[in-house]
Amino acid sequence: MPPTYGVGAAIKATRDLTLAVDVQRILHSKSPAIGNTNAALFQGVPLGATNGPSFGWRDITVVKLGAEYVVDPKLTLRGGISRTQQPIRNDQTFFNILAPGTVQTNITLGGTYAVDKQNEVTFSYLHAPTRTVRGNNSIPPGNPPGGFGGGEANISLKENAIGVSWGRKF
């Protein structure tokens, strides 16, 4: 796992509204399993070897903004957005076909409804718009082990997720 550090703050803007901000730094370059480039792959170094090939992700900073609004004692609504830089370099798209983490923005909505004093239902929705990284010199020409026939690997990802959970207080 890459080293990660951050700082955040929340302010109770009104009795019912809380606003929050977080800034997080993720040091992918300090984790060989994520930060090493794929150059070693094209030199015949096997996966899992010391200083072996990896995804070549850059270090990134993530900024997150969120809000929570208490509508009434039974219903609390939440929303948020996070934004980051692109961790995947254009020349590293070939190996990143395995884990195309191209998304840079996440938008979330959700809330909690208290059914009674002991039971609550929490719901959430996440949307991450499509983000594409177009390869640039991403597949070396030639035959393996030094090359893979040339060309480019363009990778895209978008996400939508819905969550529902039930909680019971004992």
C-alpha atoms as a PDB file:
ATOM      1  CA  MET A   1       0.000   0.000   0.000  1.00  0.00           C
ATOM      2  CA  PRO A   2       1.303   3.465  -0.787  1.00  0.00           C
ATOM      3  CA  PRO A   3       1.920   5.910   2.049  1.00  0.00           C
ATOM      4  CA  THR A   4      -1.016   8.274   2.409  1.00  0.00           C
ATOM      5  CA  TYR A   5      -1.452  11.355   4.536  1.00  0.00           C
ATOM      6  CA  GLY A   6      -4.063  14.034   4.733  1.00  0.00           C
ATOM      7  CA  VAL A   7      -5.787  16.742   6.654  1.00  0.00           C
ATOM      8  CA  GLY A   8      -9.436  17.572   6.969  1.00  0.00           C
ATOM      9  CA  ALA A   9     -11.844  19.883   8.684  1.00  0.00           C
ATOM     10  CA  ALA A  10     -15.559  20.034   9.300  1.00  0.00           C
ATOM     11  CA  ILE A  11     -17.617  23.020  10.315  1.00  0.00           C
ATOM     12  CA  LYS A  12     -21.148  23.049  11.634  1.00  0.00           C
ATOM     13  CA  ALA A  13     -22.455  25.865   9.406  1.00  0.00           C
ATOM     14  CA  THR A  14     -25.921  25.746  10.973  1.00  0.00           C
ATOM     15  CA  ARG A  15     -27.650  23.551  13.534  1.00  0.00           C
ATOM     16  CA  ASP A  16     -28.588  21.136  10.737  1.00  0.00           C
ATOM     17  CA  LEU A  17     -25.786  21.586   8.160  1.00  0.00           C
ATOM     18  CA  THR A  18     -22.213  20.317   8.437  1.00  0.00           C
ATOM     19  CA  LEU A  19     -19.639  21.082   5.720  1.00  0.00           C
ATOM     20  CA  ALA A  20     -16.367  19.180   5.371  1.00  0.00           C
ATOM     21  CA  VAL A  21     -13.166  19.349   3.340  1.00  0.00           C
ATOM     22  CA  ASP A  22     -10.300  16.852   3.131  1.00  0.00           C
ATOM     23  CA  VAL A  23      -7.010  17.008   1.262  1.00  0.00           C
ATOM     24  CA  GLN A  24      -5.149  13.735   0.870  1.00  0.00           C
ATOM     25  CA  ARG A  25      -1.763  12.956  -0.658  1.00  0.00           C
ATOM     26  CA  ILE A  26      -1.113   9.435  -1.980  1.00  0.00           C
ATOM     27  CA  LEU A  27       2.522   8.536  -2.680  1.00  0.00           C
ATOM     28  CA  HIS A  28       2.199   5.788  -5.286  1.00  0.00           C
ATOM     29  CA  SER A  29       5.886   6.188  -6.160  1.00  0.00           C
ATOM     30  CA  LYS A  30       6.838   4.817  -2.714  1.00  0.00           C
ATOM     31  CA  SER A  31       5.040   1.524  -3.375  1.00  0.00           C
ATOM     32  CA  PRO A  32       6.864  -0.623  -5.976  1.00  0.00           C
ATOM     33  CA  ALA A  33       3.697  -2.681  -6.592  1.00  0.00           C
ATOM     34  CA  ILE A  34       1.947   0.460  -7.869  1.00  0.00           C
ATOM     35  CA  GLY A  35       4.627   3.043  -8.595  1.00  0.00           C
ATOM     36  CA  ASN A  36       7.208   1.123 -10.667  1.00  0.00           C
ATOM     37  CA  THR A  37       6.827   1.634 -14.398  1.00  0.00           C
ATOM     38  CA  ASN A  38       6.225  -1.225 -16.804  1.00  0.00           C
ATOM     39  CA  ALA A  39       9.675  -0.773 -18.427  1.00  0.00           C
ATOM     40  CA  ALA A  40      11.047  -3.861 -16.647  1.00  0.00           C
ATOM     41  CA  LEU A  41       8.304  -5.981 -18.251  1.00  0.00           C
ATOM     42  CA  PHE A  42       9.700  -5.210 -21.691  1.00  0.00           C
ATOM     43  CA  GLN A  43      13.170  -6.189 -20.512  1.00  0.00           C
ATOM     44  CA  GLY A  44      11.947  -9.643 -19.497  1.00  0.00           C
ATOM     45  CA  VAL A  45      11.785  -9.028 -15.729  1.00  0.00           C
ATOM     46  CA  PRO A  46       8.942 -11.174 -14.333  1.00  0.00           C
ATOM     47  CA  LEU A  47       6.015  -9.865 -12.317  1.00  0.00           C
ATOM     48  CA  GLY A  48       6.674 -10.023  -8.583  1.00  0.00           C
ATOM     49  CA  ALA A  49      10.441  -9.671  -8.941  1.00  0.00           C
ATOM     50  CA  THR A  50      12.293  -7.111  -6.846  1.00  0.00           C
ATOM     51  CA  ASN A  51      11.875  -3.809  -8.704  1.00  0.00           C
ATOM     52  CA  GLY A  52       9.693  -5.682 -11.183  1.00  0.00           C
ATOM     53  CA  PRO A  53       7.152  -4.137 -13.544  1.00  0.00           C
ATOM     54  CA  SER A  54       4.093  -2.372 -12.213  1.00  0.00           C
ATOM     55  CA  PHE A  55       1.456   0.224 -13.077  1.00  0.00           C
ATOM     56  CA  GLY A  56       3.708   3.315 -13.031  1.00  0.00           C
ATOM     57  CA  TRP A  57       1.198   5.468 -11.148  1.00  0.00           C
ATOM     58  CA  ARG A  58       2.145   9.038 -10.237  1.00  0.00           C
ATOM     59  CA  ASP A  59       1.762  10.535  -6.781  1.00  0.00           C
ATOM     60  CA  ILE A  60      -1.570  12.354  -6.517  1.00  0.00           C
ATOM     61  CA  THR A  61      -3.455  14.815  -4.356  1.00  0.00           C
ATOM     62  CA  VAL A  62      -7.156  14.246  -3.721  1.00  0.00           C
ATOM     63  CA  VAL A  63      -9.487  17.076  -2.666  1.00  0.00           C
ATOM     64  CA  LYS A  64     -12.839  16.091  -1.146  1.00  0.00           C
ATOM     65  CA  LEU A  65     -15.812  18.297  -0.284  1.00  0.00           C
ATOM     66  CA  GLY A  66     -18.860  17.050   1.575  1.00  0.00           C
ATOM     67  CA  ALA A  67     -22.056  18.151   3.235  1.00  0.00           C
ATOM     68  CA  GLU A  68     -24.478  16.582   5.673  1.00  0.00           C
ATOM     69  CA  TYR A  69     -27.939  18.006   6.312  1.00  0.00           C
ATOM     70  CA  VAL A  70     -30.245  16.817   9.086  1.00  0.00           C
ATOM     71  CA  VAL A  71     -33.728  17.219   7.614  1.00  0.00           C
ATOM     72  CA  ASP A  72     -35.428  15.995  10.797  1.00  0.00           C
ATOM     73  CA  PRO A  73     -34.622  13.472  13.569  1.00  0.00           C
ATOM     74  CA  LYS A  74     -35.453  10.596  11.210  1.00  0.00           C
ATOM     75  CA  LEU A  75     -33.716  11.716   7.980  1.00  0.00           C
ATOM     76  CA  THR A  76     -30.135  12.839   7.318  1.00  0.00           C
ATOM     77  CA  LEU A  77     -28.952  13.590   3.764  1.00  0.00           C
ATOM     78  CA  ARG A  78     -25.336  13.638   2.534  1.00  0.00           C
ATOM     79  CA  GLY A  79     -23.490  14.644  -0.614  1.00  0.00           C
ATOM     80  CA  GLY A  80     -19.919  14.998  -1.725  1.00  0.00           C
ATOM     81  CA  ILE A  81     -17.432  15.326  -4.523  1.00  0.00           C
ATOM     82  CA  SER A  82     -13.789  14.347  -4.811  1.00  0.00           C
ATOM     83  CA  ARG A  83     -11.309  15.344  -7.486  1.00  0.00           C
ATOM     84  CA  THR A  84      -7.747  14.222  -8.182  1.00  0.00           C
ATOM     85  CA  GLN A  85      -5.013  14.308 -10.805  1.00  0.00           C
ATOM     86  CA  GLN A  86      -4.602  11.478 -13.302  1.00  0.00           C
ATOM     87  CA  PRO A  87      -2.272   8.867 -11.775  1.00  0.00           C
ATOM     88  CA  ILE A  88      -1.738   6.967 -15.046  1.00  0.00           C
ATOM     89  CA  ARG A  89       0.895   8.242 -17.460  1.00  0.00           C
ATOM     90  CA  ASN A  90       0.170   8.024 -21.204  1.00  0.00           C
ATOM     91  CA  ASP A  91       3.169   5.719 -21.719  1.00  0.00           C
ATOM     92  CA  GLN A  92       1.954   3.327 -18.978  1.00  0.00           C
ATOM     93  CA  THR A  93      -1.506   2.447 -20.345  1.00  0.00           C
ATOM     94  CA  PHE A  94      -0.531  -1.011 -21.656  1.00  0.00           C
ATOM     95  CA  PHE A  95      -0.046  -2.585 -18.217  1.00  0.00           C
ATOM     96  CA  ASN A  96      -2.906  -0.531 -16.757  1.00  0.00           C
ATOM     97  CA  ILE A  97      -5.388  -2.471 -18.880  1.00  0.00           C
ATOM     98  CA  LEU A  98      -5.373  -4.775 -15.818  1.00  0.00           C
ATOM     99  CA  ALA A  99      -6.469  -1.971 -13.449  1.00  0.00           C
ATOM    100  CA  PRO A 100      -7.664   1.047 -15.440  1.00  0.00           C
ATOM    101  CA  GLY A 101      -8.011   3.443 -12.484  1.00  0.00           C
ATOM    102  CA  THR A 102      -8.561   6.423 -14.772  1.00  0.00           C
ATOM    103  CA  VAL A 103     -11.435   8.019 -12.825  1.00  0.00           C
ATOM    104  CA  GLN A 104     -10.607  11.458 -11.454  1.00  0.00           C
ATOM    105  CA  THR A 105     -13.976  12.686 -10.126  1.00  0.00           C
ATOM    106  CA  ASN A 106     -16.440  10.971  -7.786  1.00  0.00           C
ATOM    107  CA  ILE A 107     -19.863  12.448  -6.984  1.00  0.00           C
ATOM    108  CA  THR A 108     -21.834  10.901  -4.128  1.00  0.00           C
ATOM    109  CA  LEU A 109     -25.325  11.289  -2.696  1.00  0.00           C
ATOM    110  CA  GLY A 110     -26.899   9.434   0.157  1.00  0.00           C
ATOM    111  CA  GLY A 111     -28.593   9.509   3.486  1.00  0.00           C
ATOM    112  CA  THR A 112     -29.858   7.663   6.508  1.00  0.00           C
ATOM    113  CA  TYR A 113     -33.456   7.124   7.524  1.00  0.00           C
ATOM    114  CA  ALA A 114     -34.229   6.097  11.109  1.00  0.00           C
ATOM    115  CA  VAL A 115     -37.089   3.626  10.898  1.00  0.00           C
ATOM    116  CA  ASP A 116     -37.398   3.587  14.714  1.00  0.00           C
ATOM    117  CA  LYS A 117     -35.084   3.978  17.735  1.00  0.00           C
ATOM    118  CA  GLN A 118     -33.199   0.768  16.914  1.00  0.00           C
ATOM    119  CA  ASN A 119     -33.292   0.416  13.121  1.00  0.00           C
ATOM    120  CA  GLU A 120     -31.989   2.609  10.330  1.00  0.00           C
ATOM    121  CA  VAL A 121     -31.558   2.290   6.585  1.00  0.00           C
ATOM    122  CA  THR A 122     -28.627   3.973   4.848  1.00  0.00           C
ATOM    123  CA  PHE A 123     -28.594   4.484   1.090  1.00  0.00           C
ATOM    124  CA  SER A 124     -25.956   5.822  -1.269  1.00  0.00           C
ATOM    125  CA  TYR A 125     -25.235   6.510  -4.913  1.00  0.00           C
ATOM    126  CA  LEU A 126     -21.823   7.130  -6.492  1.00  0.00           C
ATOM    127  CA  HIS A 127     -21.178   8.395 -10.009  1.00  0.00           C
ATOM    128  CA  ALA A 128     -17.715   8.671 -11.539  1.00  0.00           C
ATOM    129  CA  PRO A 129     -17.853  10.138 -15.068  1.00  0.00           C
ATOM    130  CA  THR A 130     -15.967   8.418 -17.877  1.00  0.00           C
ATOM    131  CA  ARG A 131     -12.294   9.264 -18.046  1.00  0.00           C
ATOM    132  CA  THR A 132     -10.045   8.009 -20.833  1.00  0.00           C
ATOM    133  CA  VAL A 133      -6.260   7.923 -20.913  1.00  0.00           C
ATOM    134  CA  ARG A 134      -4.905   7.638 -24.449  1.00  0.00           C
ATOM    135  CA  GLY A 135      -1.685   5.727 -24.832  1.00  0.00           C
ATOM    136  CA  ASN A 136       1.439   7.380 -26.213  1.00  0.00           C
ATOM    137  CA  ASN A 137       4.269   4.940 -26.993  1.00  0.00           C
ATOM    138  CA  SER A 138       2.496   2.556 -24.632  1.00  0.00           C
ATOM    139  CA  ILE A 139       3.140  -0.752 -26.464  1.00  0.00           C
ATOM    140  CA  PRO A 140       6.731  -1.290 -27.599  1.00  0.00           C
ATOM    141  CA  PRO A 141       7.269  -2.500 -31.171  1.00  0.00           C
ATOM    142  CA  GLY A 142       9.012  -5.773 -31.906  1.00  0.00           C
ATOM    143  CA  ASN A 143       8.560  -9.258 -30.526  1.00  0.00           C
ATOM    144  CA  PRO A 144       8.609 -10.324 -26.854  1.00  0.00           C
ATOM    145  CA  PRO A 145      10.388 -10.126 -24.497  1.00  0.00           C
ATOM    146  CA  GLY A 146      11.494  -6.614 -25.534  1.00  0.00           C
ATOM    147  CA  GLY A 147       8.442  -5.624 -27.553  1.00  0.00           C
ATOM    148  CA  PHE A 148       4.799  -6.512 -28.025  1.00  0.00           C
ATOM    149  CA  GLY A 149       4.093  -5.546 -31.626  1.00  0.00           C
ATOM    150  CA  GLY A 150       3.653  -1.807 -31.151  1.00  0.00           C
ATOM    151  CA  GLY A 151       0.534   0.317 -31.067  1.00  0.00           C
ATOM    152  CA  GLU A 152      -1.343   2.095 -28.346  1.00  0.00           C
ATOM    153  CA  ALA A 153      -3.496   0.999 -25.429  1.00  0.00           C
ATOM    154  CA  ASN A 154      -6.272   3.453 -24.640  1.00  0.00           C
ATOM    155  CA  ILE A 155      -8.058   2.806 -21.358  1.00  0.00           C
ATOM    156  CA  SER A 156     -11.337   4.149 -19.959  1.00  0.00           C
ATOM    157  CA  LEU A 157     -13.377   3.735 -16.838  1.00  0.00           C
ATOM    158  CA  LYS A 158     -16.660   5.040 -15.474  1.00  0.00           C
ATOM    159  CA  GLU A 159     -18.449   3.924 -12.367  1.00  0.00           C
ATOM    160  CA  ASN A 160     -21.953   3.937 -10.936  1.00  0.00           C
ATOM    161  CA  ALA A 161     -22.675   2.283  -7.618  1.00  0.00           C
ATOM    162  CA  ILE A 162     -25.774   2.009  -5.460  1.00  0.00           C
ATOM    163  CA  GLY A 163     -25.659   0.922  -1.850  1.00  0.00           C
ATOM    164  CA  VAL A 164     -28.292   0.096   0.720  1.00  0.00           C
ATOM    165  CA  SER A 165     -27.601  -1.110   4.234  1.00  0.00           C
ATOM    166  CA  TRP A 166     -29.594  -1.754   7.362  1.00  0.00           C
ATOM    167  CA  GLY A 167     -28.299  -0.982  10.802  1.00  0.00           C
ATOM    168  CA  ARG A 168     -29.615  -2.090  14.180  1.00  0.00           C
ATOM    169  CA  LYS A 169     -28.647  -0.496  17.491  1.00  0.00           C
ATOM    170  CA  PHE A 170     -28.469  -2.878  20.455  1.00  0.00           C
END
